[in-house]
C-alpha atoms as a PDB file:
ATOM      1  CA  MET A   1      -2.288   6.444   6.388  1.00  0.00           C
ATOM      2  CA  TYR A   2       0.054   8.510   4.485  1.00  0.00           C
ATOM      3  CA  ALA A   3       3.801   8.796   3.929  1.00  0.00           C
ATOM      4  CA  VAL A   4       6.560  11.164   2.395  1.00  0.00           C
ATOM      5  CA  VAL A   5       9.170   9.232   0.208  1.00  0.00           C
ATOM      6  CA  VAL A   6      11.783   9.869  -1.690  1.00  0.00           C
ATOM      7  CA  ASP A   7      11.901   9.372  -5.684  1.00  0.00           C
ATOM      8  CA  GLY A   8      15.252  10.731  -7.134  1.00  0.00           C
ATOM      9  CA  ALA A   9      15.564  14.241  -5.779  1.00  0.00           C
ATOM     10  CA  LYS A  10      11.812  14.925  -5.200  1.00  0.00           C
ATOM     11  CA  GLN A  11       9.690  14.173  -2.190  1.00  0.00           C
ATOM     12  CA  LEU A  12       6.180  13.007  -2.404  1.00  0.00           C
ATOM     13  CA  ARG A  13       3.343  12.932  -0.029  1.00  0.00           C
ATOM     14  CA  VAL A  14       1.308   9.337  -0.989  1.00  0.00           C
ATOM     15  CA  ALA A  15      -1.569   7.792   0.563  1.00  0.00           C
ATOM     16  CA  GLU A  16      -3.428   4.149  -0.222  1.00  0.00           C
ATOM     17  CA  GLY A  17      -5.128   4.743  -3.534  1.00  0.00           C
ATOM     18  CA  ASP A  18      -2.983   8.041  -4.759  1.00  0.00           C
ATOM     19  CA  ALA A  19      -2.009   8.179  -8.351  1.00  0.00           C
ATOM     20  CA  VAL A  20       1.427   9.878  -8.546  1.00  0.00           C
ATOM     21  CA  ARG A  21       3.418  10.732 -11.588  1.00  0.00           C
ATOM     22  CA  ILE A  22       7.269   9.967 -11.052  1.00  0.00           C
ATOM     23  CA  ASP A  23       9.993  10.352 -13.418  1.00  0.00           C
ATOM     24  CA  GLN A  24       9.987   7.553 -15.922  1.00  0.00           C
ATOM     25  CA  LEU A  25      11.251   4.244 -14.959  1.00  0.00           C
ATOM     26  CA  GLY A  26      10.850   2.146 -18.349  1.00  0.00           C
ATOM     27  CA  LEU A  27       8.307  -0.274 -16.250  1.00  0.00           C
ATOM     28  CA  LYS A  28       5.237  -2.237 -18.295  1.00  0.00           C
ATOM     29  CA  PRO A  29       1.711  -1.507 -16.650  1.00  0.00           C
ATOM     30  CA  GLY A  30       1.243  -3.917 -14.194  1.00  0.00           C
ATOM     31  CA  GLU A  31       4.380  -4.350 -12.716  1.00  0.00           C
ATOM     32  CA  LYS A  32       5.248  -3.635  -8.835  1.00  0.00           C
ATOM     33  CA  VAL A  33       7.000  -0.502  -7.668  1.00  0.00           C
ATOM     34  CA  THR A  34       8.709  -0.114  -3.938  1.00  0.00           C
ATOM     35  CA  PHE A  35      10.084   2.752  -2.412  1.00  0.00           C
ATOM     36  CA  ASP A  36      12.465   1.683   0.331  1.00  0.00           C
ATOM     37  CA  LYS A  37      13.309   5.490   1.732  1.00  0.00           C
ATOM     38  CA  VAL A  38      10.465   6.879   3.573  1.00  0.00           C
ATOM     39  CA  LEU A  39      11.065  10.111   5.369  1.00  0.00           C
ATOM     40  CA  LEU A  40       7.636  10.118   7.517  1.00  0.00           C
ATOM     41  CA  ILE A  41       4.255   8.223   8.058  1.00  0.00           C
ATOM     42  CA  GLY A  42       1.358   9.650   9.771  1.00  0.00           C
ATOM     43  CA  GLU A  43      -2.223   8.382  10.335  1.00  0.00           C
ATOM     44  CA  GLY A  44      -4.160  11.275  12.307  1.00  0.00           C
ATOM     45  CA  GLU A  45      -2.158  12.671  14.792  1.00  0.00           C
ATOM     46  CA  GLN A  46       0.133   9.949  14.986  1.00  0.00           C
ATOM     47  CA  VAL A  47       3.233  11.041  12.890  1.00  0.00           C
ATOM     48  CA  LYS A  48       6.639   8.987  12.748  1.00  0.00           C
ATOM     49  CA  VAL A  49       9.512  11.079  11.372  1.00  0.00           C
ATOM     50  CA  GLY A  50      12.282   9.117  10.524  1.00  0.00           C
ATOM     51  CA  THR A  51      16.255   9.820  10.859  1.00  0.00           C
ATOM     52  CA  PRO A  52      16.759  10.274   8.057  1.00  0.00           C
ATOM     53  CA  THR A  53      14.350   7.162   7.044  1.00  0.00           C
ATOM     54  CA  VAL A  54      11.978   5.582   9.041  1.00  0.00           C
ATOM     55  CA  LYS A  55      13.046   2.020   9.619  1.00  0.00           C
ATOM     56  CA  GLY A  56      11.217  -1.034   8.161  1.00  0.00           C
ATOM     57  CA  ALA A  57       8.822   0.946   6.227  1.00  0.00           C
ATOM     58  CA  LYS A  58       7.910   0.847   2.389  1.00  0.00           C
ATOM     59  CA  VAL A  59       5.414   1.964  -0.008  1.00  0.00           C
ATOM     60  CA  GLU A  60       4.268  -0.322  -2.961  1.00  0.00           C
ATOM     61  CA  GLY A  61       2.599   0.758  -6.228  1.00  0.00           C
ATOM     62  CA  GLU A  62       1.605  -0.841  -9.248  1.00  0.00           C
ATOM     63  CA  VAL A  63       2.449   0.802 -12.741  1.00  0.00           C
ATOM     64  CA  VAL A  64      -0.510   2.049 -14.363  1.00  0.00           C
ATOM     65  CA  ARG A  65       0.947   3.767 -17.699  1.00  0.00           C
ATOM     66  CA  GLU A  66       3.627   5.743 -18.863  1.00  0.00           C
ATOM     67  CA  ILE A  67       2.726   9.563 -20.319  1.00  0.00           C
ATOM     68  CA  LYS A  68       4.525  12.674 -22.135  1.00  0.00           C
ATOM     69  CA  ASP A  69       4.373  15.880 -20.280  1.00  0.00           C
ATOM     70  CA  ASP A  70       2.918  19.044 -21.940  1.00  0.00           C
ATOM     71  CA  LYS A  71       5.868  20.458 -24.086  1.00  0.00           C
ATOM     72  CA  THR A  72       7.856  23.193 -22.648  1.00  0.00           C
ATOM     73  CA  TYR A  73       9.884  25.615 -24.912  1.00  0.00           C
ATOM     74  CA  ALA A  74      13.289  27.109 -24.480  1.00  0.00           C
ATOM     75  CA  PHE A  75      14.066  30.369 -26.599  1.00  0.00           C
ATOM     76  CA  THR A  76      17.147  32.605 -26.283  1.00  0.00           C
ATOM     77  CA  TYR A  77      16.798  35.955 -26.786  1.00  0.00           C
ATOM     78  CA  ARG A  78      19.556  38.777 -26.816  1.00  0.00           C
ATOM     79  CA  ARG A  79      18.304  42.354 -26.803  1.00  0.00           C
ATOM     80  CA  ARG A  80      20.156  44.846 -29.539  1.00  0.00           C
ATOM     81  CA  LYS A  81      21.661  42.081 -30.855  1.00  0.00           C
ATOM     82  CA  ALA A  82      21.623  40.198 -34.461  1.00  0.00           C
ATOM     83  CA  SER A  83      21.857  36.465 -32.842  1.00  0.00           C
ATOM     84  CA  SER A  84      18.550  34.769 -31.622  1.00  0.00           C
ATOM     85  CA  LYS A  85      18.759  30.908 -31.045  1.00  0.00           C
ATOM     86  CA  GLY A  86      15.875  28.819 -32.264  1.00  0.00           C
ATOM     87  CA  ILE A  87      13.028  27.244 -30.113  1.00  0.00           C
ATOM     88  CA  ARG A  88      13.678  24.067 -28.471  1.00  0.00           C
ATOM     89  CA  GLY A  89      11.398  22.106 -27.420  1.00  0.00           C
ATOM     90  CA  HIS A  90      11.202  19.115 -24.819  1.00  0.00           C
ATOM     91  CA  ARG A  91       8.602  16.657 -23.405  1.00  0.00           C
ATOM     92  CA  GLN A  92       9.437  15.340 -20.321  1.00  0.00           C
ATOM     93  CA  ARG A  93       8.226  11.891 -19.839  1.00  0.00           C
ATOM     94  CA  HIS A  94       6.648  10.265 -16.678  1.00  0.00           C
ATOM     95  CA  THR A  95       5.422   6.850 -15.173  1.00  0.00           C
ATOM     96  CA  VAL A  96       2.216   7.215 -13.435  1.00  0.00           C
ATOM     97  CA  VAL A  97       1.694   4.567 -10.282  1.00  0.00           C
ATOM     98  CA  LYS A  98      -1.228   3.963  -8.380  1.00  0.00           C
ATOM     99  CA  ILE A  99       0.056   3.750  -4.322  1.00  0.00           C
ATOM    100  CA  THR A 100      -1.476  -0.008  -3.425  1.00  0.00           C
ATOM    101  CA  THR A 101       0.322  -0.267   0.387  1.00  0.00           C
ATOM    102  CA  VAL A 102       1.768   2.294   3.089  1.00  0.00           C
ATOM    103  CA  LYS A 103       3.520   0.036   5.558  1.00  0.00           C
ATOM    104  CA  ALA A 104       4.928   1.046   8.708  1.00  0.00           C
END
């Protein structure tokens, strides 16, 4: 059984046993997470699509750890100008969640 859930501005396709990276939640490892906004639930040929969400459906998971993504760099360059802003780096923080149950 799989489901499509909404986390912030992202939609994720999850199934039981999957480990997904979502935006940082600030929770400790072992704590429970519940996704109430389930857009779709499917199992084989049977698919239940919500309008906009599936009523009574929820996906539960457990926090595994919090990680930092690879560093990305931002550099501004203007051709034929004497100005160039320096390099700025950013490391996005994520929470790794293991999906435990998908309830329809």
